[in-house]
């Protein structure tokens, strides 16, 4: 009975260790996903800015050709 309890406690400790490792890995994935999302937003803002600049250039070109 004593050995069974010790074995069960050891198994619980192993499972807890795995759980902690998985939680850490999950947090690392969340940080990576957030970084990718931040980069995507930054790139979309840059594209928007470039499109606006191109539109302004087109209007200026049209005005100067008149």
N, C-alpha and C. Protein backbone atom coordinates (compact mmCIF):
# COMPACT_ATOMS: atom_id res chain seq x y z
N UNK A 1 0.83 -1.19 0.00
CA UNK A 1 0.00 0.00 0.00
C UNK A 1 0.87 1.26 0.00
N UNK A 2 1.95 1.22 0.80
CA UNK A 2 2.85 2.38 0.88
C UNK A 2 3.54 2.60 -0.47
N UNK A 3 3.96 1.51 -1.10
CA UNK A 3 4.62 1.60 -2.40
C UNK A 3 3.67 2.14 -3.45
N UNK A 4 2.41 1.69 -3.40
CA UNK A 4 1.41 2.18 -4.35
C UNK A 4 1.23 3.68 -4.21
N UNK A 5 1.17 4.15 -2.98
CA UNK A 5 1.00 5.60 -2.76
C UNK A 5 2.20 6.38 -3.27
N UNK A 6 3.38 5.85 -3.00
CA UNK A 6 4.60 6.52 -3.47
C UNK A 6 4.64 6.54 -4.99
N UNK A 7 4.29 5.43 -5.61
CA UNK A 7 4.26 5.37 -7.08
C UNK A 7 3.24 6.35 -7.65
N UNK A 8 2.10 6.43 -7.00
CA UNK A 8 1.06 7.36 -7.46
C UNK A 8 1.54 8.80 -7.32
N UNK A 9 2.19 9.11 -6.20
CA UNK A 9 2.71 10.47 -6.01
C UNK A 9 3.77 10.80 -7.05
N UNK A 10 4.64 9.84 -7.33
CA UNK A 10 5.66 10.06 -8.35
C UNK A 10 5.03 10.29 -9.71
N UNK A 11 4.01 9.51 -10.02
CA UNK A 11 3.32 9.67 -11.30
C UNK A 11 2.64 11.04 -11.38
N UNK A 12 2.04 11.46 -10.27
CA UNK A 12 1.40 12.79 -10.22
C UNK A 12 2.46 13.87 -10.47
N UNK A 13 3.63 13.73 -9.85
CA UNK A 13 4.70 14.71 -10.06
C UNK A 13 5.14 14.75 -11.52
N UNK A 14 5.23 13.58 -12.14
CA UNK A 14 5.62 13.53 -13.56
C UNK A 14 4.57 14.22 -14.42
N UNK A 15 3.30 13.93 -14.16
CA UNK A 15 2.21 14.54 -14.93
C UNK A 15 2.20 16.06 -14.72
N UNK A 16 2.42 16.50 -13.48
CA UNK A 16 2.49 17.95 -13.21
C UNK A 16 3.64 18.59 -13.99
N UNK A 17 4.77 17.91 -14.01
CA UNK A 17 5.91 18.42 -14.77
C UNK A 17 5.59 18.56 -16.24
N UNK A 18 4.92 17.56 -16.80
CA UNK A 18 4.51 17.63 -18.21
C UNK A 18 3.53 18.78 -18.43
N UNK A 19 2.60 18.92 -17.50
CA UNK A 19 1.59 19.98 -17.62
C UNK A 19 2.27 21.35 -17.62
N UNK A 20 3.22 21.55 -16.74
CA UNK A 20 3.94 22.82 -16.68
C UNK A 20 4.70 23.06 -17.98
N UNK A 21 5.35 22.02 -18.48
CA UNK A 21 6.09 22.15 -19.75
C UNK A 21 5.14 22.52 -20.89
N UNK A 22 3.97 21.89 -20.94
CA UNK A 22 3.00 22.21 -21.99
C UNK A 22 2.47 23.63 -21.85
N UNK A 23 2.26 24.08 -20.62
CA UNK A 23 1.78 25.45 -20.39
C UNK A 23 2.83 26.47 -20.85
N UNK A 24 4.08 26.18 -20.58
CA UNK A 24 5.17 27.07 -21.02
C UNK A 24 5.23 27.10 -22.54
N UNK A 25 5.13 25.93 -23.16
CA UNK A 25 5.16 25.86 -24.62
C UNK A 25 3.98 26.61 -25.23
N UNK A 26 2.81 26.46 -24.62
CA UNK A 26 1.63 27.16 -25.10
C UNK A 26 1.83 28.67 -25.00
N UNK A 27 2.39 29.13 -23.92
CA UNK A 27 2.65 30.57 -23.76
C UNK A 27 3.64 31.05 -24.82
N UNK A 28 4.66 30.24 -25.12
CA UNK A 28 5.62 30.62 -26.16
C UNK A 28 4.93 30.73 -27.51
N UNK A 29 4.01 29.80 -27.81
CA UNK A 29 3.26 29.88 -29.06
C UNK A 29 2.39 31.12 -29.10
N UNK A 30 1.76 31.45 -27.97
CA UNK A 30 0.92 32.65 -27.93
C UNK A 30 1.75 33.90 -28.20
N UNK A 31 2.93 33.98 -27.63
CA UNK A 31 3.81 35.12 -27.87
C UNK A 31 4.21 35.18 -29.35
N UNK A 32 4.52 34.03 -29.93
CA UNK A 32 4.90 33.99 -31.34
C UNK A 32 3.74 34.43 -32.23
N UNK A 33 2.54 33.95 -31.92
CA UNK A 33 1.36 34.33 -32.70
C UNK A 33 1.12 35.83 -32.59
N UNK A 34 1.25 36.37 -31.39
CA UNK A 34 1.06 37.82 -31.21
C UNK A 34 2.08 38.60 -32.02
N UNK A 35 3.32 38.13 -32.05
CA UNK A 35 4.35 38.80 -32.84
C UNK A 35 4.02 38.79 -34.32
N UNK A 36 3.53 37.66 -34.80
CA UNK A 36 3.15 37.56 -36.21
C UNK A 36 1.97 38.48 -36.51
N UNK A 37 0.99 38.51 -35.61
CA UNK A 37 -0.16 39.39 -35.80
C UNK A 37 0.28 40.86 -35.80
N UNK A 38 1.18 41.21 -34.89
CA UNK A 38 1.69 42.59 -34.85
C UNK A 38 2.41 42.94 -36.15
N UNK A 39 3.21 42.01 -36.66
CA UNK A 39 3.92 42.24 -37.91
C UNK A 39 2.93 42.42 -39.07
N UNK A 40 1.89 41.60 -39.09
CA UNK A 40 0.88 41.71 -40.14
C UNK A 40 0.20 43.08 -40.11
N UNK A 41 -0.15 43.54 -38.92
CA UNK A 41 -0.78 44.86 -38.79
C UNK A 41 0.19 45.95 -39.26
N UNK A 42 1.44 45.85 -38.87
CA UNK A 42 2.44 46.83 -39.29
C UNK A 42 2.56 46.87 -40.81
N UNK A 43 2.60 45.69 -41.42
CA UNK A 43 2.72 45.63 -42.88
C UNK A 43 1.47 46.18 -43.57
N UNK A 44 0.29 45.90 -43.01
CA UNK A 44 -0.95 46.43 -43.59
C UNK A 44 -0.96 47.95 -43.49
N UNK A 45 -0.48 48.50 -42.39
CA UNK A 45 -0.42 49.95 -42.24
C UNK A 45 0.56 50.55 -43.25
N UNK A 46 1.67 49.87 -43.46
CA UNK A 46 2.66 50.34 -44.44
C UNK A 46 2.07 50.32 -45.84
N UNK A 47 1.37 49.25 -46.18
CA UNK A 47 0.73 49.16 -47.49
C UNK A 47 -0.28 50.29 -47.66
N UNK A 48 -1.07 50.53 -46.63
CA UNK A 48 -2.06 51.61 -46.68
C UNK A 48 -1.37 52.96 -46.92
N UNK A 49 -0.27 53.18 -46.23
CA UNK A 49 0.48 54.42 -46.39
C UNK A 49 1.04 54.55 -47.80
N UNK A 50 1.59 53.46 -48.33
CA UNK A 50 2.13 53.49 -49.69
C UNK A 50 1.04 53.74 -50.73
N UNK A 51 -0.13 53.12 -50.53
CA UNK A 51 -1.25 53.35 -51.44
C UNK A 51 -1.69 54.81 -51.40
N UNK A 52 -1.75 55.38 -50.20
CA UNK A 52 -2.14 56.79 -50.07
C UNK A 52 -1.12 57.69 -50.76
N UNK A 53 0.15 57.38 -50.59
CA UNK A 53 1.20 58.17 -51.24
C UNK A 53 1.10 58.04 -52.76
N UNK A 54 0.86 56.84 -53.24
CA UNK A 54 0.72 56.63 -54.69
C UNK A 54 -0.48 57.41 -55.23
N UNK A 55 -1.56 57.41 -54.48
CA UNK A 55 -2.76 58.16 -54.89
C UNK A 55 -2.45 59.66 -54.96
N UNK A 56 -1.73 60.15 -53.97
CA UNK A 56 -1.34 61.57 -53.95
C UNK A 56 -0.45 61.89 -55.15
N UNK A 57 0.51 61.00 -55.43
CA UNK A 57 1.40 61.21 -56.58
C UNK A 57 0.61 61.23 -57.88
N UNK A 58 -0.37 60.35 -58.01
CA UNK A 58 -1.18 60.31 -59.23
C UNK A 58 -1.96 61.61 -59.40
N UNK A 59 -2.51 62.13 -58.31
CA UNK A 59 -3.27 63.39 -58.37
C UNK A 59 -2.33 64.53 -58.74
N UNK A 60 -1.14 64.56 -58.13
CA UNK A 60 -0.17 65.61 -58.45
C UNK A 60 0.27 65.53 -59.90
N UNK A 61 0.49 64.31 -60.41
CA UNK A 61 0.87 64.13 -61.81
C UNK A 61 -0.24 64.62 -62.74
N UNK A 62 -1.48 64.31 -62.39
CA UNK A 62 -2.62 64.74 -63.22
C UNK A 62 -2.73 66.26 -63.20
N UNK A 63 -2.52 66.87 -62.05
CA UNK A 63 -2.60 68.33 -61.95
C UNK A 63 -1.49 69.00 -62.74
N UNK A 64 -0.30 68.43 -62.72
CA UNK A 64 0.83 69.06 -63.41
C UNK A 64 0.76 68.87 -64.92
N UNK A 65 0.01 67.89 -65.39
CA UNK A 65 -0.09 67.67 -66.83
C UNK A 65 -1.16 68.53 -67.47
N UNK A 66 -1.92 69.23 -66.67
CA UNK A 66 -2.98 70.09 -67.22
C UNK A 66 -2.48 71.43 -67.66
